[in-house]
Amino acid sequence: MKCHYCFKDTQKEYCSQECEQKVKLYEQKQRKGMPIFAIVALIAIGIALLWDSPYRTTISLVLLGLDFIFFPFTKASTIRRIGIRKSIITARMIGGIALLVGIVSYFFL
């Protein structure tokens, strides 16, 4: 069995009390932040699809990048595969890449 947070081998769901607390904190943040995450993602997608501007891709990528940096939520299957800690890191890296591509694309338009 693996710890739900750090994904270390353990006999229980969590390898320590600290990991258990971090899982509970993550779940609380997810419950509170998921509606905001979804709204920002929908706005970014709406801008990309509906707004007729040369900067729509830039704005959409920057919004999505910031969304994933501030709300690093991933699918349950990703969490089961790599643990919460690594899924947060992965989501923030994807957000950082999207943000960087959005900023760079601004200069090439």
PDB file of N, CA and C in Angstrom:
ATOM      1  N   MET A   1       0.848  -1.174   0.000  1.00  0.00           N
ATOM      2  CA  MET A   1       0.000   0.000   0.000  1.00  0.00           C
ATOM      3  C   MET A   1       0.896   1.241   0.000  1.00  0.00           C
ATOM      4  N   LYS A   2       0.414   2.292  -0.614  1.00  0.00           N
ATOM      5  CA  LYS A   2       1.158   3.543  -0.711  1.00  0.00           C
ATOM      6  C   LYS A   2       0.440   4.642   0.057  1.00  0.00           C
ATOM      7  N   CYS A   3       1.224   5.559   0.617  1.00  0.00           N
ATOM      8  CA  CYS A   3       0.672   6.731   1.294  1.00  0.00           C
ATOM      9  C   CYS A   3      -0.053   7.587   0.257  1.00  0.00           C
ATOM     10  N   HIS A   4      -1.228   8.070   0.597  1.00  0.00           N
ATOM     11  CA  HIS A   4      -2.019   8.871  -0.342  1.00  0.00           C
ATOM     12  C   HIS A   4      -1.353  10.198  -0.684  1.00  0.00           C
ATOM     13  N   TYR A   5      -0.560  10.734   0.238  1.00  0.00           N
ATOM     14  CA  TYR A   5       0.050  12.039  -0.017  1.00  0.00           C
ATOM     15  C   TYR A   5       1.419  11.918  -0.692  1.00  0.00           C
ATOM     16  N   CYS A   6       2.359  11.271  -0.021  1.00  0.00           N
ATOM     17  CA  CYS A   6       3.734  11.258  -0.534  1.00  0.00           C
ATOM     18  C   CYS A   6       4.047  10.035  -1.385  1.00  0.00           C
ATOM     19  N   PHE A   7       3.183   9.047  -1.372  1.00  0.00           N
ATOM     20  CA  PHE A   7       3.272   7.844  -2.197  1.00  0.00           C
ATOM     21  C   PHE A   7       4.408   6.914  -1.760  1.00  0.00           C
ATOM     22  N   LYS A   8       4.825   7.000  -0.507  1.00  0.00           N
ATOM     23  CA  LYS A   8       5.818   6.069   0.029  1.00  0.00           C
ATOM     24  C   LYS A   8       5.119   4.772   0.403  1.00  0.00           C
ATOM     25  N   ASP A   9       5.872   3.679   0.408  1.00  0.00           N
ATOM     26  CA  ASP A   9       5.324   2.403   0.848  1.00  0.00           C
ATOM     27  C   ASP A   9       4.994   2.469   2.339  1.00  0.00           C
ATOM     28  N   THR A  10       3.816   1.976   2.679  1.00  0.00           N
ATOM     29  CA  THR A  10       3.375   2.000   4.070  1.00  0.00           C
ATOM     30  C   THR A  10       2.363   0.886   4.293  1.00  0.00           C
ATOM     31  N   GLN A  11       2.060   0.623   5.535  1.00  0.00           N
ATOM     32  CA  GLN A  11       1.070  -0.405   5.873  1.00  0.00           C
ATOM     33  C   GLN A  11      -0.340   0.181   5.996  1.00  0.00           C
ATOM     34  N   LYS A  12      -0.405   1.521   6.068  1.00  0.00           N
ATOM     35  CA  LYS A  12      -1.685   2.199   6.256  1.00  0.00           C
ATOM     36  C   LYS A  12      -1.947   3.116   5.069  1.00  0.00           C
ATOM     37  N   GLU A  13      -3.013   3.899   5.172  1.00  0.00           N
ATOM     38  CA  GLU A  13      -3.321   4.868   4.114  1.00  0.00           C
ATOM     39  C   GLU A  13      -2.321   6.013   4.089  1.00  0.00           C
ATOM     40  N   TYR A  14      -1.742   6.323   5.246  1.00  0.00           N
ATOM     41  CA  TYR A  14      -0.808   7.440   5.372  1.00  0.00           C
ATOM     42  C   TYR A  14       0.448   6.952   6.078  1.00  0.00           C
ATOM     43  N   CYS A  15       1.595   7.492   5.693  1.00  0.00           N
ATOM     44  CA  CYS A  15       2.841   7.064   6.332  1.00  0.00           C
ATOM     45  C   CYS A  15       3.092   7.803   7.637  1.00  0.00           C
ATOM     46  N   SER A  16       2.433   8.954   7.827  1.00  0.00           N
ATOM     47  CA  SER A  16       2.617   9.726   9.060  1.00  0.00           C
ATOM     48  C   SER A  16       1.386  10.591   9.311  1.00  0.00           C
ATOM     49  N   GLN A  17       1.351  11.145  10.492  1.00  0.00           N
ATOM     50  CA  GLN A  17       0.268  12.063  10.854  1.00  0.00           C
ATOM     51  C   GLN A  17       0.340  13.320   9.995  1.00  0.00           C
ATOM     52  N   GLU A  18       1.559  13.737   9.655  1.00  0.00           N
ATOM     53  CA  GLU A  18       1.763  14.923   8.822  1.00  0.00           C
ATOM     54  C   GLU A  18       1.143  14.731   7.437  1.00  0.00           C
ATOM     55  N   CYS A  19       1.352  13.568   6.840  1.00  0.00           N
ATOM     56  CA  CYS A  19       0.767  13.297   5.522  1.00  0.00           C
ATOM     57  C   CYS A  19      -0.753  13.264   5.597  1.00  0.00           C
ATOM     58  N   GLU A  20      -1.277  12.700   6.677  1.00  0.00           N
ATOM     59  CA  GLU A  20      -2.729  12.655   6.846  1.00  0.00           C
ATOM     60  C   GLU A  20      -3.300  14.070   6.933  1.00  0.00           C
ATOM     61  N   GLN A  21      -2.634  14.957   7.670  1.00  0.00           N
ATOM     62  CA  GLN A  21      -3.073  16.342   7.774  1.00  0.00           C
ATOM     63  C   GLN A  21      -2.995  17.054   6.423  1.00  0.00           C
ATOM     64  N   LYS A  22      -1.951  16.779   5.650  1.00  0.00           N
ATOM     65  CA  LYS A  22      -1.797  17.407   4.338  1.00  0.00           C
ATOM     66  C   LYS A  22      -2.875  16.940   3.372  1.00  0.00           C
ATOM     67  N   VAL A  23      -3.280  15.676   3.478  1.00  0.00           N
ATOM     68  CA  VAL A  23      -4.364  15.165   2.639  1.00  0.00           C
ATOM     69  C   VAL A  23      -5.665  15.870   2.988  1.00  0.00           C
ATOM     70  N   LYS A  24      -5.942  16.010   4.265  1.00  0.00           N
ATOM     71  CA  LYS A  24      -7.167  16.692   4.698  1.00  0.00           C
ATOM     72  C   LYS A  24      -7.168  18.156   4.256  1.00  0.00           C
ATOM     73  N   LEU A  25      -6.026  18.814   4.365  1.00  0.00           N
ATOM     74  CA  LEU A  25      -5.906  20.198   3.924  1.00  0.00           C
ATOM     75  C   LEU A  25      -6.116  20.310   2.414  1.00  0.00           C
ATOM     76  N   TYR A  26      -5.533  19.384   1.662  1.00  0.00           N
ATOM     77  CA  TYR A  26      -5.709  19.369   0.203  1.00  0.00           C
ATOM     78  C   TYR A  26      -7.182  19.185  -0.158  1.00  0.00           C
ATOM     79  N   GLU A  27      -7.854  18.268   0.516  1.00  0.00           N
ATOM     80  CA  GLU A  27      -9.271  18.018   0.237  1.00  0.00           C
ATOM     81  C   GLU A  27     -10.130  19.241   0.568  1.00  0.00           C
ATOM     82  N   GLN A  28      -9.807  19.943   1.653  1.00  0.00           N
ATOM     83  CA  GLN A  28     -10.533  21.167   1.988  1.00  0.00           C
ATOM     84  C   GLN A  28     -10.319  22.240   0.928  1.00  0.00           C
ATOM     85  N   LYS A  29      -9.069  22.416   0.508  1.00  0.00           N
ATOM     86  CA  LYS A  29      -8.766  23.402  -0.527  1.00  0.00           C
ATOM     87  C   LYS A  29      -9.454  23.042  -1.833  1.00  0.00           C
ATOM     88  N   GLN A  30      -9.511  21.752  -2.125  1.00  0.00           N
ATOM     89  CA  GLN A  30     -10.156  21.318  -3.362  1.00  0.00           C
ATOM     90  C   GLN A  30     -11.654  21.600  -3.319  1.00  0.00           C
ATOM     91  N   ARG A  31     -12.281  21.308  -2.199  1.00  0.00           N
ATOM     92  CA  ARG A  31     -13.715  21.573  -2.077  1.00  0.00           C
ATOM     93  C   ARG A  31     -14.031  23.061  -2.219  1.00  0.00           C
ATOM     94  N   LYS A  32     -13.211  23.904  -1.612  1.00  0.00           N
ATOM     95  CA  LYS A  32     -13.446  25.347  -1.671  1.00  0.00           C
ATOM     96  C   LYS A  32     -13.024  25.946  -3.005  1.00  0.00           C
ATOM     97  N   GLY A  33     -11.924  25.448  -3.581  1.00  0.00           N
ATOM     98  CA  GLY A  33     -11.359  26.060  -4.770  1.00  0.00           C
ATOM     99  C   GLY A  33     -11.868  25.538  -6.094  1.00  0.00           C
ATOM    100  N   MET A  34     -12.473  24.366  -6.102  1.00  0.00           N
ATOM    101  CA  MET A  34     -12.901  23.773  -7.368  1.00  0.00           C
ATOM    102  C   MET A  34     -13.903  24.634  -8.141  1.00  0.00           C
ATOM    103  N   PRO A  35     -14.881  25.262  -7.493  1.00  0.00           N
ATOM    104  CA  PRO A  35     -15.785  26.135  -8.272  1.00  0.00           C
ATOM    105  C   PRO A  35     -15.048  27.302  -8.934  1.00  0.00           C
ATOM    106  N   ILE A  36     -14.105  27.903  -8.229  1.00  0.00           N
ATOM    107  CA  ILE A  36     -13.338  29.011  -8.810  1.00  0.00           C
ATOM    108  C   ILE A  36     -12.473  28.494  -9.953  1.00  0.00           C
ATOM    109  N   PHE A  37     -11.832  27.362  -9.742  1.00  0.00           N
ATOM    110  CA  PHE A  37     -11.020  26.733 -10.780  1.00  0.00           C
ATOM    111  C   PHE A  37     -11.847  26.500 -12.046  1.00  0.00           C
ATOM    112  N   ALA A  38     -13.028  25.947 -11.874  1.00  0.00           N
ATOM    113  CA  ALA A  38     -13.889  25.648 -13.019  1.00  0.00           C
ATOM    114  C   ALA A  38     -14.351  26.914 -13.732  1.00  0.00           C
ATOM    115  N   ILE A  39     -14.707  27.945 -12.985  1.00  0.00           N
ATOM    116  CA  ILE A  39     -15.160  29.200 -13.597  1.00  0.00           C
ATOM    117  C   ILE A  39     -14.042  29.845 -14.404  1.00  0.00           C
ATOM    118  N   VAL A  40     -12.837  29.901 -13.835  1.00  0.00           N
ATOM    119  CA  VAL A  40     -11.704  30.497 -14.554  1.00  0.00           C
ATOM    120  C   VAL A  40     -11.385  29.681 -15.803  1.00  0.00           C
ATOM    121  N   ALA A  41     -11.430  28.356 -15.697  1.00  0.00           N
ATOM    122  CA  ALA A  41     -11.169  27.511 -16.860  1.00  0.00           C
ATOM    123  C   ALA A  41     -12.221  27.743 -17.949  1.00  0.00           C
ATOM    124  N   LEU A  42     -13.480  27.842 -17.570  1.00  0.00           N
ATOM    125  CA  LEU A  42     -14.538  28.102 -18.549  1.00  0.00           C
ATOM    126  C   LEU A  42     -14.387  29.472 -19.197  1.00  0.00           C
ATOM    127  N   ILE A  43     -13.998  30.469 -18.419  1.00  0.00           N
ATOM    128  CA  ILE A  43     -13.759  31.798 -18.984  1.00  0.00           C
ATOM    129  C   ILE A  43     -12.616  31.750 -19.981  1.00  0.00           C
ATOM    130  N   ALA A  44     -11.534  31.060 -19.633  1.00  0.00           N
ATOM    131  CA  ALA A  44     -10.384  30.953 -20.534  1.00  0.00           C
ATOM    132  C   ALA A  44     -10.760  30.232 -21.824  1.00  0.00           C
ATOM    133  N   ILE A  45     -11.525  29.177 -21.716  1.00  0.00           N
ATOM    134  CA  ILE A  45     -11.955  28.437 -22.906  1.00  0.00           C
ATOM    135  C   ILE A  45     -12.917  29.289 -23.725  1.00  0.00           C
ATOM    136  N   GLY A  46     -13.805  29.998 -23.053  1.00  0.00           N
ATOM    137  CA  GLY A  46     -14.732  30.882 -23.756  1.00  0.00           C
ATOM    138  C   GLY A  46     -14.002  31.978 -24.511  1.00  0.00           C
ATOM    139  N   ILE A  47     -12.993  32.545 -23.903  1.00  0.00           N
ATOM    140  CA  ILE A  47     -12.190  33.564 -24.584  1.00  0.00           C
ATOM    141  C   ILE A  47     -11.525  32.970 -25.813  1.00  0.00           C
ATOM    142  N   ALA A  48     -10.956  31.791 -25.667  1.00  0.00           N
ATOM    143  CA  ALA A  48     -10.259  31.148 -26.789  1.00  0.00           C
ATOM    144  C   ALA A  48     -11.213  30.841 -27.937  1.00  0.00           C
ATOM    145  N   LEU A  49     -12.443  30.471 -27.620  1.00  0.00           N
ATOM    146  CA  LEU A  49     -13.384  30.064 -28.671  1.00  0.00           C
ATOM    147  C   LEU A  49     -14.216  31.216 -29.234  1.00  0.00           C
ATOM    148  N   LEU A  50     -14.565  32.184 -28.406  1.00  0.00           N
ATOM    149  CA  LEU A  50     -15.565  33.175 -28.813  1.00  0.00           C
ATOM    150  C   LEU A  50     -15.032  34.576 -29.095  1.00  0.00           C
ATOM    151  N   TRP A  51     -13.935  34.948 -28.503  1.00  0.00           N
ATOM    152  CA  TRP A  51     -13.441  36.306 -28.643  1.00  0.00           C
ATOM    153  C   TRP A  51     -12.591  36.423 -29.894  1.00  0.00           C
ATOM    154  N   ASP A  52     -12.926  37.368 -30.741  1.00  0.00           N
ATOM    155  CA  ASP A  52     -12.194  37.547 -31.995  1.00  0.00           C
ATOM    156  C   ASP A  52     -11.115  38.610 -31.794  1.00  0.00           C
ATOM    157  N   SER A  53      -9.972  38.156 -31.294  1.00  0.00           N
ATOM    158  CA  SER A  53      -8.850  39.052 -31.039  1.00  0.00           C
ATOM    159  C   SER A  53      -7.560  38.275 -31.278  1.00  0.00           C
ATOM    160  N   PRO A  54      -6.523  38.931 -31.759  1.00  0.00           N
ATOM    161  CA  PRO A  54      -5.259  38.218 -31.939  1.00  0.00           C
ATOM    162  C   PRO A  54      -4.631  37.783 -30.611  1.00  0.00           C
ATOM    163  N   TYR A  55      -5.075  38.360 -29.513  1.00  0.00           N
ATOM    164  CA  TYR A  55      -4.507  38.032 -28.207  1.00  0.00           C
ATOM    165  C   TYR A  55      -5.318  36.995 -27.437  1.00  0.00           C
ATOM    166  N   ARG A  56      -6.308  36.409 -28.056  1.00  0.00           N
ATOM    167  CA  ARG A  56      -7.161  35.469 -27.327  1.00  0.00           C
ATOM    168  C   ARG A  56      -6.397  34.244 -26.848  1.00  0.00           C
ATOM    169  N   THR A  57      -5.464  33.738 -27.651  1.00  0.00           N
ATOM    170  CA  THR A  57      -4.667  32.588 -27.230  1.00  0.00           C
ATOM    171  C   THR A  57      -3.777  32.963 -26.055  1.00  0.00           C
ATOM    172  N   THR A  58      -3.161  34.121 -26.144  1.00  0.00           N
ATOM    173  CA  THR A  58      -2.290  34.590 -25.063  1.00  0.00           C
ATOM    174  C   THR A  58      -3.067  34.709 -23.758  1.00  0.00           C
ATOM    175  N   ILE A  59      -4.201  35.372 -23.811  1.00  0.00           N
ATOM    176  CA  ILE A  59      -4.999  35.579 -22.605  1.00  0.00           C
ATOM    177  C   ILE A  59      -5.503  34.244 -22.053  1.00  0.00           C
ATOM    178  N   SER A  60      -5.942  33.355 -22.932  1.00  0.00           N
ATOM    179  CA  SER A  60      -6.441  32.051 -22.488  1.00  0.00           C
ATOM    180  C   SER A  60      -5.344  31.230 -21.823  1.00  0.00           C
ATOM    181  N   LEU A  61      -4.168  31.206 -22.422  1.00  0.00           N
ATOM    182  CA  LEU A  61      -3.070  30.432 -21.830  1.00  0.00           C
ATOM    183  C   LEU A  61      -2.609  31.015 -20.503  1.00  0.00           C
ATOM    184  N   VAL A  62      -2.566  32.326 -20.417  1.00  0.00           N
ATOM    185  CA  VAL A  62      -2.176  32.960 -19.154  1.00  0.00           C
ATOM    186  C   VAL A  62      -3.210  32.650 -18.072  1.00  0.00           C
ATOM    187  N   LEU A  63      -4.489  32.758 -18.403  1.00  0.00           N
ATOM    188  CA  LEU A  63      -5.536  32.435 -17.417  1.00  0.00           C
ATOM    189  C   LEU A  63      -5.470  30.974 -16.977  1.00  0.00           C
ATOM    190  N   LEU A  64      -5.333  30.070 -17.937  1.00  0.00           N
ATOM    191  CA  LEU A  64      -5.259  28.648 -17.585  1.00  0.00           C
ATOM    192  C   LEU A  64      -4.000  28.345 -16.780  1.00  0.00           C
ATOM    193  N   GLY A  65      -2.884  28.970 -17.151  1.00  0.00           N
ATOM    194  CA  GLY A  65      -1.648  28.765 -16.399  1.00  0.00           C
ATOM    195  C   GLY A  65      -1.784  29.218 -14.959  1.00  0.00           C
ATOM    196  N   LEU A  66      -2.320  30.405 -14.763  1.00  0.00           N
ATOM    197  CA  LEU A  66      -2.530  30.911 -13.408  1.00  0.00           C
ATOM    198  C   LEU A  66      -3.529  30.050 -12.641  1.00  0.00           C
ATOM    199  N   ASP A  67      -4.531  29.563 -13.345  1.00  0.00           N
ATOM    200  CA  ASP A  67      -5.540  28.694 -12.732  1.00  0.00           C
ATOM    201  C   ASP A  67      -4.882  27.435 -12.159  1.00  0.00           C
ATOM    202  N   PHE A  68      -4.025  26.801 -12.949  1.00  0.00           N
ATOM    203  CA  PHE A  68      -3.371  25.578 -12.478  1.00  0.00           C
ATOM    204  C   PHE A  68      -2.302  25.850 -11.431  1.00  0.00           C
ATOM    205  N   ILE A  69      -1.702  27.024 -11.450  1.00  0.00           N
ATOM    206  CA  ILE A  69      -0.707  27.348 -10.426  1.00  0.00           C
ATOM    207  C   ILE A  69      -1.381  27.586  -9.078  1.00  0.00           C
ATOM    208  N   PHE A  70      -2.476  28.354  -9.073  1.00  0.00           N
ATOM    209  CA  PHE A  70      -3.154  28.670  -7.818  1.00  0.00           C
ATOM    210  C   PHE A  70      -4.086  27.557  -7.335  1.00  0.00           C
ATOM    211  N   PHE A  71      -4.617  26.762  -8.256  1.00  0.00           N
ATOM    212  CA  PHE A  71      -5.515  25.662  -7.909  1.00  0.00           C
ATOM    213  C   PHE A  71      -4.985  24.383  -8.563  1.00  0.00           C
ATOM    214  N   PRO A  72      -3.968  23.751  -7.973  1.00  0.00           N
ATOM    215  CA  PRO A  72      -3.327  22.597  -8.608  1.00  0.00           C
ATOM    216  C   PRO A  72      -4.100  21.289  -8.392  1.00  0.00           C
ATOM    217  N   PHE A  73      -5.280  21.223  -8.952  1.00  0.00           N
ATOM    218  CA  PHE A  73      -6.120  20.044  -8.788  1.00  0.00           C
ATOM    219  C   PHE A  73      -5.982  19.133 -10.000  1.00  0.00           C
ATOM    220  N   THR A  74      -5.884  17.851  -9.743  1.00  0.00           N
ATOM    221  CA  THR A  74      -5.785  16.880 -10.828  1.00  0.00           C
ATOM    222  C   THR A  74      -6.868  15.821 -10.661  1.00  0.00           C
ATOM    223  N   LYS A  75      -6.943  14.958 -11.650  1.00  0.00           N
ATOM    224  CA  LYS A  75      -7.943  13.899 -11.611  1.00  0.00           C
ATOM    225  C   LYS A  75      -7.599  12.877 -10.533  1.00  0.00           C
ATOM    226  N   ALA A  76      -8.602  12.173 -10.062  1.00  0.00           N
ATOM    227  CA  ALA A  76      -8.401  11.144  -9.045  1.00  0.00           C
ATOM    228  C   ALA A  76      -7.491  10.030  -9.552  1.00  0.00           C
ATOM    229  N   SER A  77      -7.568   9.726 -10.840  1.00  0.00           N
ATOM    230  CA  SER A  77      -6.712   8.667 -11.385  1.00  0.00           C
ATOM    231  C   SER A  77      -5.244   9.076 -11.337  1.00  0.00           C
ATOM    232  N   THR A  78      -4.960  10.351 -11.530  1.00  0.00           N
ATOM    233  CA  THR A  78      -3.580  10.842 -11.431  1.00  0.00           C
ATOM    234  C   THR A  78      -3.094  10.743  -9.993  1.00  0.00           C
ATOM    235  N   ILE A  79      -3.944  11.095  -9.059  1.00  0.00           N
ATOM    236  CA  ILE A  79      -3.578  11.009  -7.645  1.00  0.00           C
ATOM    237  C   ILE A  79      -3.336   9.557  -7.247  1.00  0.00           C
ATOM    238  N   ARG A  80      -4.156   8.635  -7.710  1.00  0.00           N
ATOM    239  CA  ARG A  80      -3.947   7.225  -7.404  1.00  0.00           C
ATOM    240  C   ARG A  80      -2.634   6.707  -7.993  1.00  0.00           C
ATOM    241  N   ARG A  81      -2.246   7.250  -9.127  1.00  0.00           N
ATOM    242  CA  ARG A  81      -1.049   6.786  -9.821  1.00  0.00           C
ATOM    243  C   ARG A  81       0.242   7.354  -9.235  1.00  0.00           C
ATOM    244  N   ILE A  82       0.244   8.644  -8.823  1.00  0.00           N
ATOM    245  CA  ILE A  82       1.501   9.261  -8.377  1.00  0.00           C
ATOM    246  C   ILE A  82       1.417   9.925  -7.007  1.00  0.00           C
ATOM    247  N   GLY A  83       0.256   9.976  -6.387  1.00  0.00           N
ATOM    248  CA  GLY A  83       0.108  10.602  -5.077  1.00  0.00           C
ATOM    249  C   GLY A  83      -0.234  12.082  -5.195  1.00  0.00           C
ATOM    250  N   ILE A  84      -0.720  12.635  -4.114  1.00  0.00           N
ATOM    251  CA  ILE A  84      -1.171  14.027  -4.113  1.00  0.00           C
ATOM    252  C   ILE A  84      -0.001  14.992  -4.288  1.00  0.00           C
ATOM    253  N   ARG A  85       1.096  14.760  -3.568  1.00  0.00           N
ATOM    254  CA  ARG A  85       2.227  15.698  -3.630  1.00  0.00           C
ATOM    255  C   ARG A  85       2.759  15.838  -5.054  1.00  0.00           C
ATOM    256  N   LYS A  86       2.976  14.730  -5.731  1.00  0.00           N
ATOM    257  CA  LYS A  86       3.497  14.789  -7.101  1.00  0.00           C
ATOM    258  C   LYS A  86       2.454  15.312  -8.080  1.00  0.00           C
ATOM    259  N   SER A  87       1.182  15.058  -7.813  1.00  0.00           N
ATOM    260  CA  SER A  87       0.149  15.585  -8.707  1.00  0.00           C
ATOM    261  C   SER A  87       0.054  17.107  -8.591  1.00  0.00           C
ATOM    262  N   ILE A  88       0.270  17.653  -7.393  1.00  0.00           N
ATOM    263  CA  ILE A  88       0.297  19.103  -7.215  1.00  0.00           C
ATOM    264  C   ILE A  88       1.473  19.702  -7.980  1.00  0.00           C
ATOM    265  N   ILE A  89       2.626  19.071  -7.853  1.00  0.00           N
ATOM    266  CA  ILE A  89       3.818  19.546  -8.561  1.00  0.00           C
ATOM    267  C   ILE A  89       3.590  19.492 -10.071  1.00  0.00           C
ATOM    268  N   THR A  90       3.013  18.399 -10.543  1.00  0.00           N
ATOM    269  CA  THR A  90       2.742  18.243 -11.972  1.00  0.00           C
ATOM    270  C   THR A  90       1.772  19.311 -12.474  1.00  0.00           C
ATOM    271  N   ALA A  91       0.697  19.549 -11.734  1.00  0.00           N
ATOM    272  CA  ALA A  91      -0.290  20.557 -12.138  1.00  0.00           C
ATOM    273  C   ALA A  91       0.345  21.941 -12.183  1.00  0.00           C
ATOM    274  N   ARG A  92       1.177  22.257 -11.201  1.00  0.00           N
ATOM    275  CA  ARG A  92       1.824  23.571 -11.198  1.00  0.00           C
ATOM    276  C   ARG A  92       2.846  23.701 -12.316  1.00  0.00           C
ATOM    277  N   MET A  93       3.529  22.614 -12.660  1.00  0.00           N
ATOM    278  CA  MET A  93       4.458  22.661 -13.790  1.00  0.00           C
ATOM    279  C   MET A  93       3.706  22.892 -15.099  1.00  0.00           C
ATOM    280  N   ILE A  94       2.599  22.208 -15.282  1.00  0.00           N
ATOM    281  CA  ILE A  94       1.777  22.414 -16.478  1.00  0.00           C
ATOM    282  C   ILE A  94       1.267  23.857 -16.516  1.00  0.00           C
ATOM    283  N   GLY A  95       0.836  24.368 -15.371  1.00  0.00           N
ATOM    284  CA  GLY A  95       0.396  25.758 -15.302  1.00  0.00           C
ATOM    285  C   GLY A  95       1.512  26.725 -15.637  1.00  0.00           C
ATOM    286  N   GLY A  96       2.701  26.459 -15.138  1.00  0.00           N
ATOM    287  CA  GLY A  96       3.844  27.308 -15.439  1.00  0.00           C
ATOM    288  C   GLY A  96       4.205  27.295 -16.911  1.00  0.00           C
ATOM    289  N   ILE A  97       4.136  26.122 -17.524  1.00  0.00           N
ATOM    290  CA  ILE A  97       4.414  26.012 -18.960  1.00  0.00           C
ATOM    291  C   ILE A  97       3.368  26.781 -19.760  1.00  0.00           C
ATOM    292  N   ALA A  98       2.092  26.620 -19.399  1.00  0.00           N
ATOM    293  CA  ALA A  98       1.027  27.346 -20.103  1.00  0.00           C
ATOM    294  C   ALA A  98       1.206  28.853 -19.942  1.00  0.00           C
ATOM    295  N   LEU A  99       1.547  29.289 -18.744  1.00  0.00           N
ATOM    296  CA  LEU A  99       1.777  30.712 -18.493  1.00  0.00           C
ATOM    297  C   LEU A  99       2.952  31.223 -19.326  1.00  0.00           C
ATOM    298  N   LEU A 100       4.028  30.474 -19.350  1.00  0.00           N
ATOM    299  CA  LEU A 100       5.205  30.866 -20.116  1.00  0.00           C
ATOM    300  C   LEU A 100       4.910  30.925 -21.614  1.00  0.00           C
ATOM    301  N   VAL A 101       4.218  29.919 -22.115  1.00  0.00           N
ATOM    302  CA  VAL A 101       3.855  29.917 -23.545  1.00  0.00           C
ATOM    303  C   VAL A 101       2.920  31.085 -23.868  1.00  0.00           C
ATOM    304  N   GLY A 102       2.001  31.392 -22.961  1.00  0.00           N
ATOM    305  CA  GLY A 102       1.103  32.521 -23.172  1.00  0.00           C
ATOM    306  C   GLY A 102       1.848  33.839 -23.219  1.00  0.00           C
ATOM    307  N   ILE A 103       2.798  34.013 -22.321  1.00  0.00           N
ATOM    308  CA  ILE A 103       3.581  35.256 -22.303  1.00  0.00           C
ATOM    309  C   ILE A 103       4.463  35.354 -23.544  1.00  0.00           C
ATOM    310  N   VAL A 104       5.112  34.250 -23.923  1.00  0.00           N
ATOM    311  CA  VAL A 104       5.970  34.258 -25.108  1.00  0.00           C
ATOM    312  C   VAL A 104       5.140  34.493 -26.366  1.00  0.00           C
ATOM    313  N   SER A 105       3.946  33.910 -26.438  1.00  0.00           N
ATOM    314  CA  SER A 105       3.123  34.090 -27.630  1.00  0.00           C
ATOM    315  C   SER A 105       2.695  35.537 -27.820  1.00  0.00           C
ATOM    316  N   TYR A 106       2.621  36.303 -26.741  1.00  0.00           N
ATOM    317  CA  TYR A 106       2.288  37.720 -26.831  1.00  0.00           C
ATOM    318  C   TYR A 106       3.318  38.468 -27.696  1.00  0.00           C
ATOM    319  N   PHE A 107       4.569  38.103 -27.547  1.00  0.00           N
ATOM    320  CA  PHE A 107       5.635  38.808 -28.268  1.00  0.00           C
ATOM    321  C   PHE A 107       5.761  38.379 -29.721  1.00  0.00           C
ATOM    322  N   PHE A 108       5.134  37.273 -30.100  1.00  0.00           N
ATOM    323  CA  PHE A 108       5.200  36.806 -31.478  1.00  0.00           C
ATOM    324  C   PHE A 108       3.953  37.118 -32.278  1.00  0.00           C
ATOM    325  N   LEU A 109       3.023  37.857 -31.707  1.00  0.00           N
ATOM    326  CA  LEU A 109       1.804  38.230 -32.450  1.00  0.00           C
ATOM    327  C   LEU A 109       1.976  39.537 -33.158  1.00  0.00           C
TER     328      LEU A 109
END
